[in-house]
Amino acid sequence: MQPTNPDQFTEKAWEAIARTPDIAKAAQQQQIETEHLMKALLEQEGLAISIFAKCGINVERLRERTKQFI
């Protein structure tokens, strides 16, 4: 089930959620999966990037691995 109420999310989170169908379509995939949301979050400069960076995760490598997985 896809979220339909943007008031339940931050602006950045909703932008990422709204972007996931485009990412799936660009990858010629019919289903939206968590990796599509991950890619959308990693394309933003926001909280997700900050959290990964603070955890010592190489964000650029994570972006590339997510792209490869999709």
PDB file of N, CA and C in Angstrom:
ATOM      1  N   MET A   1       0.834  -1.179   0.000  1.00  0.00           N
ATOM      2  CA  MET A   1       0.000   0.000   0.000  1.00  0.00           C
ATOM      3  C   MET A   1       0.882   1.246   0.000  1.00  0.00           C
ATOM      4  N   GLN A   2       0.625   2.132  -0.886  1.00  0.00           N
ATOM      5  CA  GLN A   2       1.408   3.363  -1.006  1.00  0.00           C
ATOM      6  C   GLN A   2       0.842   4.440  -0.084  1.00  0.00           C
ATOM      7  N   PRO A   3       1.704   5.172   0.623  1.00  0.00           N
ATOM      8  CA  PRO A   3       1.221   6.265   1.469  1.00  0.00           C
ATOM      9  C   PRO A   3       0.518   7.322   0.617  1.00  0.00           C
ATOM     10  N   THR A   4      -0.551   7.896   1.143  1.00  0.00           N
ATOM     11  CA  THR A   4      -1.308   8.879   0.378  1.00  0.00           C
ATOM     12  C   THR A   4      -1.484  10.204   1.097  1.00  0.00           C
ATOM     13  N   ASN A   5      -1.060  10.301   2.341  1.00  0.00           N
ATOM     14  CA  ASN A   5      -1.252  11.523   3.099  1.00  0.00           C
ATOM     15  C   ASN A   5       0.097  12.183   3.393  1.00  0.00           C
ATOM     16  N   PRO A   6       0.435  13.229   2.640  1.00  0.00           N
ATOM     17  CA  PRO A   6       1.734  13.877   2.860  1.00  0.00           C
ATOM     18  C   PRO A   6       1.864  14.552   4.223  1.00  0.00           C
ATOM     19  N   ASP A   7       0.746  14.803   4.896  1.00  0.00           N
ATOM     20  CA  ASP A   7       0.801  15.443   6.213  1.00  0.00           C
ATOM     21  C   ASP A   7       1.381  14.529   7.285  1.00  0.00           C
ATOM     22  N   GLN A   8       1.507  13.237   6.987  1.00  0.00           N
ATOM     23  CA  GLN A   8       2.060  12.291   7.949  1.00  0.00           C
ATOM     24  C   GLN A   8       3.581  12.220   7.884  1.00  0.00           C
ATOM     25  N   PHE A   9       4.188  12.955   6.952  1.00  0.00           N
ATOM     26  CA  PHE A   9       5.629  12.865   6.718  1.00  0.00           C
ATOM     27  C   PHE A   9       6.256  14.252   6.671  1.00  0.00           C
ATOM     28  N   THR A  10       7.566  14.298   6.885  1.00  0.00           N
ATOM     29  CA  THR A  10       8.271  15.555   6.664  1.00  0.00           C
ATOM     30  C   THR A  10       8.279  15.839   5.164  1.00  0.00           C
ATOM     31  N   GLU A  11       8.581  17.059   4.812  1.00  0.00           N
ATOM     32  CA  GLU A  11       8.606  17.442   3.398  1.00  0.00           C
ATOM     33  C   GLU A  11       9.619  16.602   2.616  1.00  0.00           C
ATOM     34  N   LYS A  12      10.801  16.425   3.179  1.00  0.00           N
ATOM     35  CA  LYS A  12      11.850  15.636   2.510  1.00  0.00           C
ATOM     36  C   LYS A  12      11.449  14.174   2.374  1.00  0.00           C
ATOM     37  N   ALA A  13      10.842  13.628   3.431  1.00  0.00           N
ATOM     38  CA  ALA A  13      10.411  12.228   3.374  1.00  0.00           C
ATOM     39  C   ALA A  13       9.349  12.049   2.293  1.00  0.00           C
ATOM     40  N   TRP A  14       8.408  12.978   2.224  1.00  0.00           N
ATOM     41  CA  TRP A  14       7.358  12.870   1.208  1.00  0.00           C
ATOM     42  C   TRP A  14       7.941  13.005  -0.195  1.00  0.00           C
ATOM     43  N   GLU A  15       8.922  13.885  -0.369  1.00  0.00           N
ATOM     44  CA  GLU A  15       9.579  14.026  -1.672  1.00  0.00           C
ATOM     45  C   GLU A  15      10.206  12.699  -2.091  1.00  0.00           C
ATOM     46  N   ALA A  16      10.851  12.030  -1.144  1.00  0.00           N
ATOM     47  CA  ALA A  16      11.478  10.738  -1.440  1.00  0.00           C
ATOM     48  C   ALA A  16      10.422   9.696  -1.787  1.00  0.00           C
ATOM     49  N   ILE A  17       9.347   9.656  -1.022  1.00  0.00           N
ATOM     50  CA  ILE A  17       8.267   8.700  -1.297  1.00  0.00           C
ATOM     51  C   ILE A  17       7.665   8.957  -2.676  1.00  0.00           C
ATOM     52  N   ALA A  18       7.444  10.219  -2.984  1.00  0.00           N
ATOM     53  CA  ALA A  18       6.848  10.575  -4.273  1.00  0.00           C
ATOM     54  C   ALA A  18       7.782  10.265  -5.440  1.00  0.00           C
ATOM     55  N   ARG A  19       9.070  10.244  -5.183  1.00  0.00           N
ATOM     56  CA  ARG A  19      10.065   9.996  -6.236  1.00  0.00           C
ATOM     57  C   ARG A  19      10.232   8.502  -6.553  1.00  0.00           C
ATOM     58  N   THR A  20       9.861   7.618  -5.630  1.00  0.00           N
ATOM     59  CA  THR A  20      10.110   6.185  -5.816  1.00  0.00           C
ATOM     60  C   THR A  20       9.487   5.595  -7.083  1.00  0.00           C
ATOM     61  N   PRO A  21       8.267   5.972  -7.484  1.00  0.00           N
ATOM     62  CA  PRO A  21       7.740   5.397  -8.736  1.00  0.00           C
ATOM     63  C   PRO A  21       8.586   5.763  -9.959  1.00  0.00           C
ATOM     64  N   ASP A  22       9.131   6.977  -9.962  1.00  0.00           N
ATOM     65  CA  ASP A  22       9.981   7.401 -11.079  1.00  0.00           C
ATOM     66  C   ASP A  22      11.263   6.572 -11.144  1.00  0.00           C
ATOM     67  N   ILE A  23      11.818   6.276  -9.980  1.00  0.00           N
ATOM     68  CA  ILE A  23      13.044   5.481  -9.923  1.00  0.00           C
ATOM     69  C   ILE A  23      12.769   4.061 -10.405  1.00  0.00           C
ATOM     70  N   ALA A  24      11.674   3.481  -9.962  1.00  0.00           N
ATOM     71  CA  ALA A  24      11.309   2.128 -10.399  1.00  0.00           C
ATOM     72  C   ALA A  24      11.068   2.104 -11.906  1.00  0.00           C
ATOM     73  N   LYS A  25      10.360   3.093 -12.402  1.00  0.00           N
ATOM     74  CA  LYS A  25      10.062   3.161 -13.841  1.00  0.00           C
ATOM     75  C   LYS A  25      11.336   3.326 -14.660  1.00  0.00           C
ATOM     76  N   ALA A  26      12.251   4.161 -14.192  1.00  0.00           N
ATOM     77  CA  ALA A  26      13.519   4.369 -14.898  1.00  0.00           C
ATOM     78  C   ALA A  26      14.334   3.075 -14.973  1.00  0.00           C
ATOM     79  N   ALA A  27      14.171   2.221 -13.964  1.00  0.00           N
ATOM     80  CA  ALA A  27      14.872   0.931 -13.938  1.00  0.00           C
ATOM     81  C   ALA A  27      14.059  -0.158 -14.648  1.00  0.00           C
ATOM     82  N   GLN A  28      12.961   0.249 -15.280  1.00  0.00           N
ATOM     83  CA  GLN A  28      12.070  -0.659 -16.001  1.00  0.00           C
ATOM     84  C   GLN A  28      11.538  -1.765 -15.087  1.00  0.00           C
ATOM     85  N   GLN A  29      11.165  -1.358 -13.870  1.00  0.00           N
ATOM     86  CA  GLN A  29      10.597  -2.281 -12.897  1.00  0.00           C
ATOM     87  C   GLN A  29       9.168  -1.857 -12.603  1.00  0.00           C
ATOM     88  N   GLN A  30       8.289  -2.829 -12.451  1.00  0.00           N
ATOM     89  CA  GLN A  30       6.883  -2.528 -12.263  1.00  0.00           C
ATOM     90  C   GLN A  30       6.496  -2.351 -10.797  1.00  0.00           C
ATOM     91  N   GLN A  31       7.266  -2.907  -9.898  1.00  0.00           N
ATOM     92  CA  GLN A  31       6.955  -2.806  -8.475  1.00  0.00           C
ATOM     93  C   GLN A  31       7.895  -1.835  -7.793  1.00  0.00           C
ATOM     94  N   ILE A  32       7.349  -1.084  -6.856  1.00  0.00           N
ATOM     95  CA  ILE A  32       8.162  -0.195  -6.035  1.00  0.00           C
ATOM     96  C   ILE A  32       8.666  -1.003  -4.845  1.00  0.00           C
ATOM     97  N   GLU A  33       9.963  -0.980  -4.657  1.00  0.00           N
ATOM     98  CA  GLU A  33      10.592  -1.743  -3.573  1.00  0.00           C
ATOM     99  C   GLU A  33      11.345  -0.786  -2.647  1.00  0.00           C
ATOM    100  N   THR A  34      11.792  -1.312  -1.531  1.00  0.00           N
ATOM    101  CA  THR A  34      12.498  -0.484  -0.550  1.00  0.00           C
ATOM    102  C   THR A  34      13.778   0.124  -1.121  1.00  0.00           C
ATOM    103  N   GLU A  35      14.426  -0.587  -2.031  1.00  0.00           N
ATOM    104  CA  GLU A  35      15.657  -0.040  -2.603  1.00  0.00           C
ATOM    105  C   GLU A  35      15.385   1.216  -3.434  1.00  0.00           C
ATOM    106  N   HIS A  36      14.185   1.336  -3.985  1.00  0.00           N
ATOM    107  CA  HIS A  36      13.838   2.551  -4.724  1.00  0.00           C
ATOM    108  C   HIS A  36      13.708   3.729  -3.757  1.00  0.00           C
ATOM    109  N   LEU A  37      13.120   3.476  -2.605  1.00  0.00           N
ATOM    110  CA  LEU A  37      13.029   4.521  -1.591  1.00  0.00           C
ATOM    111  C   LEU A  37      14.416   4.878  -1.065  1.00  0.00           C
ATOM    112  N   MET A  38      15.256   3.868  -0.869  1.00  0.00           N
ATOM    113  CA  MET A  38      16.628   4.122  -0.415  1.00  0.00           C
ATOM    114  C   MET A  38      17.360   5.026  -1.405  1.00  0.00           C
ATOM    115  N   LYS A  39      17.220   4.737  -2.688  1.00  0.00           N
ATOM    116  CA  LYS A  39      17.876   5.561  -3.708  1.00  0.00           C
ATOM    117  C   LYS A  39      17.350   6.989  -3.668  1.00  0.00           C
ATOM    118  N   ALA A  40      16.039   7.148  -3.511  1.00  0.00           N
ATOM    119  CA  ALA A  40      15.455   8.486  -3.430  1.00  0.00           C
ATOM    120  C   ALA A  40      15.998   9.246  -2.227  1.00  0.00           C
ATOM    121  N   LEU A  41      16.118   8.579  -1.086  1.00  0.00           N
ATOM    122  CA  LEU A  41      16.654   9.221   0.113  1.00  0.00           C
ATOM    123  C   LEU A  41      18.123   9.592  -0.066  1.00  0.00           C
ATOM    124  N   LEU A  42      18.874   8.728  -0.750  1.00  0.00           N
ATOM    125  CA  LEU A  42      20.296   8.993  -0.954  1.00  0.00           C
ATOM    126  C   LEU A  42      20.546  10.088  -1.988  1.00  0.00           C
ATOM    127  N   GLU A  43      19.555  10.385  -2.805  1.00  0.00           N
ATOM    128  CA  GLU A  43      19.689  11.475  -3.785  1.00  0.00           C
ATOM    129  C   GLU A  43      19.481  12.841  -3.139  1.00  0.00           C
ATOM    130  N   GLN A  44      18.888  12.854  -1.958  1.00  0.00           N
ATOM    131  CA  GLN A  44      18.621  14.111  -1.249  1.00  0.00           C
ATOM    132  C   GLN A  44      19.780  14.456  -0.326  1.00  0.00           C
ATOM    133  N   GLU A  45      19.895  15.730  -0.053  1.00  0.00           N
ATOM    134  CA  GLU A  45      20.778  16.154   1.030  1.00  0.00           C
ATOM    135  C   GLU A  45      19.860  16.363   2.219  1.00  0.00           C
ATOM    136  N   GLY A  46      19.815  15.395   3.097  1.00  0.00           N
ATOM    137  CA  GLY A  46      18.881  15.476   4.209  1.00  0.00           C
ATOM    138  C   GLY A  46      19.305  14.610   5.367  1.00  0.00           C
ATOM    139  N   LEU A  47      18.336  14.264   6.178  1.00  0.00           N
ATOM    140  CA  LEU A  47      18.588  13.523   7.407  1.00  0.00           C
ATOM    141  C   LEU A  47      19.200  12.146   7.156  1.00  0.00           C
ATOM    142  N   ALA A  48      18.728  11.446   6.138  1.00  0.00           N
ATOM    143  CA  ALA A  48      19.249  10.102   5.867  1.00  0.00           C
ATOM    144  C   ALA A  48      20.756  10.145   5.615  1.00  0.00           C
ATOM    145  N   ILE A  49      21.193  11.095   4.809  1.00  0.00           N
ATOM    146  CA  ILE A  49      22.629  11.237   4.514  1.00  0.00           C
ATOM    147  C   ILE A  49      23.402  11.532   5.799  1.00  0.00           C
ATOM    148  N   SER A  50      22.873  12.425   6.603  1.00  0.00           N
ATOM    149  CA  SER A  50      23.536  12.776   7.869  1.00  0.00           C
ATOM    150  C   SER A  50      23.662  11.564   8.789  1.00  0.00           C
ATOM    151  N   ILE A  51      22.609  10.787   8.893  1.00  0.00           N
ATOM    152  CA  ILE A  51      22.628   9.607   9.754  1.00  0.00           C
ATOM    153  C   ILE A  51      23.659   8.596   9.264  1.00  0.00           C
ATOM    154  N   PHE A  52      23.646   8.312   7.965  1.00  0.00           N
ATOM    155  CA  PHE A  52      24.626   7.366   7.417  1.00  0.00           C
ATOM    156  C   PHE A  52      26.049   7.862   7.639  1.00  0.00           C
ATOM    157  N   ALA A  53      26.279   9.135   7.388  1.00  0.00           N
ATOM    158  CA  ALA A  53      27.620   9.710   7.559  1.00  0.00           C
ATOM    159  C   ALA A  53      28.069   9.623   9.019  1.00  0.00           C
ATOM    160  N   LYS A  54      27.178   9.923   9.948  1.00  0.00           N
ATOM    161  CA  LYS A  54      27.528   9.859  11.372  1.00  0.00           C
ATOM    162  C   LYS A  54      27.809   8.433  11.829  1.00  0.00           C
ATOM    163  N   CYS A  55      27.232   7.470  11.122  1.00  0.00           N
ATOM    164  CA  CYS A  55      27.487   6.055  11.437  1.00  0.00           C
ATOM    165  C   CYS A  55      28.782   5.564  10.793  1.00  0.00           C
ATOM    166  N   GLY A  56      29.457   6.441  10.060  1.00  0.00           N
ATOM    167  CA  GLY A  56      30.714   6.074   9.428  1.00  0.00           C
ATOM    168  C   GLY A  56      30.545   5.342   8.109  1.00  0.00           C
ATOM    169  N   ILE A  57      29.366   5.422   7.531  1.00  0.00           N
ATOM    170  CA  ILE A  57      29.092   4.750   6.256  1.00  0.00           C
ATOM    171  C   ILE A  57      29.538   5.646   5.109  1.00  0.00           C
ATOM    172  N   ASN A  58      30.219   5.058   4.171  1.00  0.00           N
ATOM    173  CA  ASN A  58      30.619   5.787   2.971  1.00  0.00           C
ATOM    174  C   ASN A  58      29.371   5.971   2.110  1.00  0.00           C
ATOM    175  N   VAL A  59      28.817   7.164   2.127  1.00  0.00           N
ATOM    176  CA  VAL A  59      27.543   7.444   1.461  1.00  0.00           C
ATOM    177  C   VAL A  59      27.665   7.273  -0.046  1.00  0.00           C
ATOM    178  N   GLU A  60      28.770   7.686  -0.604  1.00  0.00           N
ATOM    179  CA  GLU A  60      28.951   7.552  -2.057  1.00  0.00           C
ATOM    180  C   GLU A  60      28.966   6.080  -2.465  1.00  0.00           C
ATOM    181  N   ARG A  61      29.625   5.255  -1.673  1.00  0.00           N
ATOM    182  CA  ARG A  61      29.643   3.820  -1.956  1.00  0.00           C
ATOM    183  C   ARG A  61      28.244   3.215  -1.791  1.00  0.00           C
ATOM    184  N   LEU A  62      27.530   3.653  -0.767  1.00  0.00           N
ATOM    185  CA  LEU A  62      26.169   3.179  -0.554  1.00  0.00           C
ATOM    186  C   LEU A  62      25.274   3.558  -1.734  1.00  0.00           C
ATOM    187  N   ARG A  63      25.433   4.770  -2.235  1.00  0.00           N
ATOM    188  CA  ARG A  63      24.674   5.191  -3.419  1.00  0.00           C
ATOM    189  C   ARG A  63      24.961   4.268  -4.598  1.00  0.00           C
ATOM    190  N   GLU A  64      26.227   3.999  -4.818  1.00  0.00           N
ATOM    191  CA  GLU A  64      26.616   3.154  -5.956  1.00  0.00           C
ATOM    192  C   GLU A  64      26.096   1.732  -5.788  1.00  0.00           C
ATOM    193  N   ARG A  65      26.215   1.182  -4.587  1.00  0.00           N
ATOM    194  CA  ARG A  65      25.733  -0.189  -4.342  1.00  0.00           C
ATOM    195  C   ARG A  65      24.213  -0.283  -4.498  1.00  0.00           C
ATOM    196  N   THR A  66      23.509   0.746  -4.057  1.00  0.00           N
ATOM    197  CA  THR A  66      22.050   0.769  -4.207  1.00  0.00           C
ATOM    198  C   THR A  66      21.683   0.816  -5.685  1.00  0.00           C
ATOM    199  N   LYS A  67      22.382   1.649  -6.424  1.00  0.00           N
ATOM    200  CA  LYS A  67      22.145   1.760  -7.874  1.00  0.00           C
ATOM    201  C   LYS A  67      22.402   0.419  -8.559  1.00  0.00           C
ATOM    202  N   GLN A  68      23.479  -0.255  -8.192  1.00  0.00           N
ATOM    203  CA  GLN A  68      23.798  -1.558  -8.775  1.00  0.00           C
ATOM    204  C   GLN A  68      22.723  -2.589  -8.432  1.00  0.00           C
ATOM    205  N   PHE A  69      22.240  -2.552  -7.201  1.00  0.00           N
ATOM    206  CA  PHE A  69      21.233  -3.512  -6.763  1.00  0.00           C
ATOM    207  C   PHE A  69      19.929  -3.361  -7.542  1.00  0.00           C
ATOM    208  N   ILE A  70      19.567  -2.110  -7.778  1.00  0.00           N
ATOM    209  CA  ILE A  70      18.332  -1.841  -8.539  1.00  0.00           C
ATOM    210  C   ILE A  70      18.517  -2.325  -9.962  1.00  0.00           C
TER     211      ILE A  70
END
